[in-house]
Amino acid sequence: MVTVIKKGATKSGIAESIRKAANKRNRKGLMKLAGSLKSDIDLMEVQKKLRDEWE
């Protein structure tokens, strides 16, 4: 996203533009997905197998 700040803008106007841009940012994050994957796979075993492939 681009915020245009014109010459002669006041500090309060610049701060307001920055605040508006920050509020539009996507803030959903990954926390909404936490715990949503249900599996009977042991992830530590998968990790060990993947690391063993390098050797």
PDB file of N, CA and C in Angstrom:
ATOM      1  N   MET A   1       0.841  -1.157   0.000  1.00  0.00           N
ATOM      2  CA  MET A   1       0.000   0.000   0.000  1.00  0.00           C
ATOM      3  C   MET A   1       0.896   1.233   0.000  1.00  0.00           C
ATOM      4  N   VAL A   2       0.452   2.261  -0.658  1.00  0.00           N
ATOM      5  CA  VAL A   2       1.209   3.507  -0.754  1.00  0.00           C
ATOM      6  C   VAL A   2       0.384   4.612  -0.121  1.00  0.00           C
ATOM      7  N   THR A   3       1.024   5.375   0.750  1.00  0.00           N
ATOM      8  CA  THR A   3       0.387   6.544   1.342  1.00  0.00           C
ATOM      9  C   THR A   3       1.090   7.773   0.788  1.00  0.00           C
ATOM     10  N   VAL A   4       0.340   8.644   0.160  1.00  0.00           N
ATOM     11  CA  VAL A   4       0.900   9.847  -0.432  1.00  0.00           C
ATOM     12  C   VAL A   4       0.805  10.977   0.583  1.00  0.00           C
ATOM     13  N   ILE A   5       1.958  11.572   0.880  1.00  0.00           N
ATOM     14  CA  ILE A   5       2.009  12.715   1.785  1.00  0.00           C
ATOM     15  C   ILE A   5       2.456  13.913   0.948  1.00  0.00           C
ATOM     16  N   LYS A   6       1.582  14.876   0.826  1.00  0.00           N
ATOM     17  CA  LYS A   6       1.858  16.027  -0.029  1.00  0.00           C
ATOM     18  C   LYS A   6       2.654  17.081   0.723  1.00  0.00           C
ATOM     19  N   LYS A   7       3.368  17.868  -0.051  1.00  0.00           N
ATOM     20  CA  LYS A   7       4.177  18.947   0.505  1.00  0.00           C
ATOM     21  C   LYS A   7       3.272  19.923   1.256  1.00  0.00           C
ATOM     22  N   GLY A   8       3.705  20.298   2.444  1.00  0.00           N
ATOM     23  CA  GLY A   8       2.930  21.239   3.231  1.00  0.00           C
ATOM     24  C   GLY A   8       1.938  20.569   4.174  1.00  0.00           C
ATOM     25  N   ALA A   9       1.946  19.244   4.219  1.00  0.00           N
ATOM     26  CA  ALA A   9       1.032  18.533   5.111  1.00  0.00           C
ATOM     27  C   ALA A   9       1.451  18.763   6.556  1.00  0.00           C
ATOM     28  N   THR A  10       0.481  18.880   7.421  1.00  0.00           N
ATOM     29  CA  THR A  10       0.777  19.094   8.840  1.00  0.00           C
ATOM     30  C   THR A  10       1.154  17.780   9.503  1.00  0.00           C
ATOM     31  N   LYS A  11       1.771  17.888  10.663  1.00  0.00           N
ATOM     32  CA  LYS A  11       2.154  16.680  11.402  1.00  0.00           C
ATOM     33  C   LYS A  11       0.924  15.863  11.784  1.00  0.00           C
ATOM     34  N   SER A  12      -0.139  16.552  12.155  1.00  0.00           N
ATOM     35  CA  SER A  12      -1.355  15.829  12.527  1.00  0.00           C
ATOM     36  C   SER A  12      -1.978  15.144  11.311  1.00  0.00           C
ATOM     37  N   GLY A  13      -1.889  15.779  10.160  1.00  0.00           N
ATOM     38  CA  GLY A  13      -2.400  15.162   8.927  1.00  0.00           C
ATOM     39  C   GLY A  13      -1.600  13.931   8.542  1.00  0.00           C
ATOM     40  N   ILE A  14      -0.280  14.020   8.714  1.00  0.00           N
ATOM     41  CA  ILE A  14       0.579  12.872   8.417  1.00  0.00           C
ATOM     42  C   ILE A  14       0.289  11.732   9.392  1.00  0.00           C
ATOM     43  N   ALA A  15       0.150  12.070  10.665  1.00  0.00           N
ATOM     44  CA  ALA A  15      -0.151  11.049  11.672  1.00  0.00           C
ATOM     45  C   ALA A  15      -1.490  10.379  11.383  1.00  0.00           C
ATOM     46  N   GLU A  16      -2.467  11.146  10.946  1.00  0.00           N
ATOM     47  CA  GLU A  16      -3.790  10.597  10.618  1.00  0.00           C
ATOM     48  C   GLU A  16      -3.696   9.647   9.417  1.00  0.00           C
ATOM     49  N   SER A  17      -2.910  10.018   8.407  1.00  0.00           N
ATOM     50  CA  SER A  17      -2.730   9.151   7.233  1.00  0.00           C
ATOM     51  C   SER A  17      -2.074   7.834   7.631  1.00  0.00           C
ATOM     52  N   ILE A  18      -1.079   7.914   8.490  1.00  0.00           N
ATOM     53  CA  ILE A  18      -0.396   6.700   8.947  1.00  0.00           C
ATOM     54  C   ILE A  18      -1.341   5.839   9.771  1.00  0.00           C
ATOM     55  N   ARG A  19      -2.142   6.464  10.623  1.00  0.00           N
ATOM     56  CA  ARG A  19      -3.085   5.709  11.450  1.00  0.00           C
ATOM     57  C   ARG A  19      -4.118   4.987  10.588  1.00  0.00           C
ATOM     58  N   LYS A  20      -4.632   5.669   9.568  1.00  0.00           N
ATOM     59  CA  LYS A  20      -5.600   5.045   8.665  1.00  0.00           C
ATOM     60  C   LYS A  20      -4.988   3.865   7.918  1.00  0.00           C
ATOM     61  N   ALA A  21      -3.746   4.026   7.470  1.00  0.00           N
ATOM     62  CA  ALA A  21      -3.072   2.943   6.746  1.00  0.00           C
ATOM     63  C   ALA A  21      -2.841   1.749   7.664  1.00  0.00           C
ATOM     64  N   ALA A  22      -2.495   2.002   8.917  1.00  0.00           N
ATOM     65  CA  ALA A  22      -2.239   0.920   9.861  1.00  0.00           C
ATOM     66  C   ALA A  22      -3.527   0.166  10.186  1.00  0.00           C
ATOM     67  N   ASN A  23      -4.654   0.861  10.219  1.00  0.00           N
ATOM     68  CA  ASN A  23      -5.929   0.205  10.528  1.00  0.00           C
ATOM     69  C   ASN A  23      -6.409  -0.679   9.386  1.00  0.00           C
ATOM     70  N   LYS A  24      -5.994  -0.387   8.166  1.00  0.00           N
ATOM     71  CA  LYS A  24      -6.428  -1.172   7.017  1.00  0.00           C
ATOM     72  C   LYS A  24      -5.633  -2.462   6.852  1.00  0.00           C
ATOM     73  N   ARG A  25      -4.528  -2.570   7.568  1.00  0.00           N
ATOM     74  CA  ARG A  25      -3.664  -3.742   7.439  1.00  0.00           C
ATOM     75  C   ARG A  25      -4.402  -5.008   7.873  1.00  0.00           C
ATOM     76  N   ASN A  26      -4.124  -6.098   7.189  1.00  0.00           N
ATOM     77  CA  ASN A  26      -4.738  -7.380   7.517  1.00  0.00           C
ATOM     78  C   ASN A  26      -4.140  -7.896   8.822  1.00  0.00           C
ATOM     79  N   ARG A  27      -4.935  -7.980   9.859  1.00  0.00           N
ATOM     80  CA  ARG A  27      -4.452  -8.364  11.170  1.00  0.00           C
ATOM     81  C   ARG A  27      -5.015  -9.710  11.631  1.00  0.00           C
ATOM     82  N   LYS A  28      -5.489 -10.523  10.741  1.00  0.00           N
ATOM     83  CA  LYS A  28      -6.103 -11.783  11.137  1.00  0.00           C
ATOM     84  C   LYS A  28      -5.081 -12.735  11.737  1.00  0.00           C
ATOM     85  N   GLY A  29      -3.928 -12.859  11.117  1.00  0.00           N
ATOM     86  CA  GLY A  29      -2.873 -13.690  11.653  1.00  0.00           C
ATOM     87  C   GLY A  29      -3.197 -15.175  11.581  1.00  0.00           C
ATOM     88  N   LEU A  30      -2.352 -15.949  12.192  1.00  0.00           N
ATOM     89  CA  LEU A  30      -2.508 -17.399  12.168  1.00  0.00           C
ATOM     90  C   LEU A  30      -3.187 -17.948  13.412  1.00  0.00           C
ATOM     91  N   MET A  31      -3.429 -17.113  14.397  1.00  0.00           N
ATOM     92  CA  MET A  31      -4.030 -17.603  15.640  1.00  0.00           C
ATOM     93  C   MET A  31      -5.428 -18.175  15.411  1.00  0.00           C
ATOM     94  N   LYS A  32      -6.120 -17.717  14.379  1.00  0.00           N
ATOM     95  CA  LYS A  32      -7.449 -18.261  14.113  1.00  0.00           C
ATOM     96  C   LYS A  32      -7.367 -19.725  13.670  1.00  0.00           C
ATOM     97  N   LEU A  33      -6.205 -20.150  13.194  1.00  0.00           N
ATOM     98  CA  LEU A  33      -6.031 -21.521  12.740  1.00  0.00           C
ATOM     99  C   LEU A  33      -5.455 -22.432  13.821  1.00  0.00           C
ATOM    100  N   ALA A  34      -5.055 -21.872  14.945  1.00  0.00           N
ATOM    101  CA  ALA A  34      -4.418 -22.657  16.005  1.00  0.00           C
ATOM    102  C   ALA A  34      -5.369 -23.744  16.502  1.00  0.00           C
ATOM    103  N   GLY A  35      -4.892 -24.967  16.485  1.00  0.00           N
ATOM    104  CA  GLY A  35      -5.678 -26.092  16.970  1.00  0.00           C
ATOM    105  C   GLY A  35      -6.697 -26.620  15.990  1.00  0.00           C
ATOM    106  N   SER A  36      -6.726 -26.116  14.780  1.00  0.00           N
ATOM    107  CA  SER A  36      -7.744 -26.546  13.830  1.00  0.00           C
ATOM    108  C   SER A  36      -7.346 -27.813  13.072  1.00  0.00           C
ATOM    109  N   LEU A  37      -6.068 -28.168  13.084  1.00  0.00           N
ATOM    110  CA  LEU A  37      -5.630 -29.380  12.399  1.00  0.00           C
ATOM    111  C   LEU A  37      -5.684 -30.555  13.362  1.00  0.00           C
ATOM    112  N   LYS A  38      -6.493 -31.513  13.042  1.00  0.00           N
ATOM    113  CA  LYS A  38      -6.615 -32.708  13.864  1.00  0.00           C
ATOM    114  C   LYS A  38      -5.932 -33.852  13.124  1.00  0.00           C
ATOM    115  N   SER A  39      -5.038 -34.528  13.815  1.00  0.00           N
ATOM    116  CA  SER A  39      -4.279 -35.578  13.164  1.00  0.00           C
ATOM    117  C   SER A  39      -3.808 -36.586  14.189  1.00  0.00           C
ATOM    118  N   ASP A  40      -3.647 -37.826  13.753  1.00  0.00           N
ATOM    119  CA  ASP A  40      -3.101 -38.846  14.645  1.00  0.00           C
ATOM    120  C   ASP A  40      -1.646 -39.146  14.284  1.00  0.00           C
ATOM    121  N   ILE A  41      -1.031 -38.248  13.528  1.00  0.00           N
ATOM    122  CA  ILE A  41       0.365 -38.401  13.120  1.00  0.00           C
ATOM    123  C   ILE A  41       1.255 -37.793  14.199  1.00  0.00           C
ATOM    124  N   ASP A  42       2.334 -38.508  14.563  1.00  0.00           N
ATOM    125  CA  ASP A  42       3.301 -37.987  15.510  1.00  0.00           C
ATOM    126  C   ASP A  42       4.251 -37.060  14.753  1.00  0.00           C
ATOM    127  N   LEU A  43       4.145 -35.782  15.005  1.00  0.00           N
ATOM    128  CA  LEU A  43       4.911 -34.800  14.252  1.00  0.00           C
ATOM    129  C   LEU A  43       6.407 -34.888  14.539  1.00  0.00           C
ATOM    130  N   MET A  44       6.785 -35.340  15.720  1.00  0.00           N
ATOM    131  CA  MET A  44       8.211 -35.497  16.025  1.00  0.00           C
ATOM    132  C   MET A  44       8.817 -36.610  15.165  1.00  0.00           C
ATOM    133  N   GLU A  45       8.075 -37.679  14.927  1.00  0.00           N
ATOM    134  CA  GLU A  45       8.550 -38.767  14.065  1.00  0.00           C
ATOM    135  C   GLU A  45       8.700 -38.281  12.621  1.00  0.00           C
ATOM    136  N   VAL A  46       7.756 -37.500  12.166  1.00  0.00           N
ATOM    137  CA  VAL A  46       7.829 -36.953  10.807  1.00  0.00           C
ATOM    138  C   VAL A  46       9.063 -36.068  10.686  1.00  0.00           C
ATOM    139  N   GLN A  47       9.309 -35.251  11.699  1.00  0.00           N
ATOM    140  CA  GLN A  47      10.466 -34.364  11.670  1.00  0.00           C
ATOM    141  C   GLN A  47      11.770 -35.165  11.652  1.00  0.00           C
ATOM    142  N   LYS A  48      11.853 -36.224  12.434  1.00  0.00           N
ATOM    143  CA  LYS A  48      13.050 -37.069  12.455  1.00  0.00           C
ATOM    144  C   LYS A  48      13.283 -37.725  11.097  1.00  0.00           C
ATOM    145  N   LYS A  49      12.213 -38.216  10.469  1.00  0.00           N
ATOM    146  CA  LYS A  49      12.336 -38.832   9.152  1.00  0.00           C
ATOM    147  C   LYS A  49      12.825 -37.826   8.115  1.00  0.00           C
ATOM    148  N   LEU A  50      12.276 -36.620   8.170  1.00  0.00           N
ATOM    149  CA  LEU A  50      12.703 -35.604   7.209  1.00  0.00           C
ATOM    150  C   LEU A  50      14.166 -35.229   7.409  1.00  0.00           C
ATOM    151  N   ARG A  51      14.609 -35.173   8.640  1.00  0.00           N
ATOM    152  CA  ARG A  51      16.005 -34.843   8.895  1.00  0.00           C
ATOM    153  C   ARG A  51      16.928 -35.976   8.500  1.00  0.00           C
ATOM    154  N   ASP A  52      16.464 -37.209   8.634  1.00  0.00           N
ATOM    155  CA  ASP A  52      17.278 -38.355   8.259  1.00  0.00           C
ATOM    156  C   ASP A  52      17.458 -38.461   6.738  1.00  0.00           C
ATOM    157  N   GLU A  53      16.551 -37.890   5.973  1.00  0.00           N
ATOM    158  CA  GLU A  53      16.671 -37.933   4.517  1.00  0.00           C
ATOM    159  C   GLU A  53      17.900 -37.173   4.025  1.00  0.00           C
ATOM    160  N   TRP A  54      18.376 -36.220   4.785  1.00  0.00           N
ATOM    161  CA  TRP A  54      19.530 -35.411   4.374  1.00  0.00           C
ATOM    162  C   TRP A  54      20.813 -36.176   4.492  1.00  0.00           C
ATOM    163  N   GLU A  55      20.853 -37.186   5.307  1.00  0.00           N
ATOM    164  CA  GLU A  55      22.096 -37.938   5.515  1.00  0.00           C
ATOM    165  C   GLU A  55      22.218 -39.088   4.554  1.00  0.00           C
TER     166      GLU A  55
END
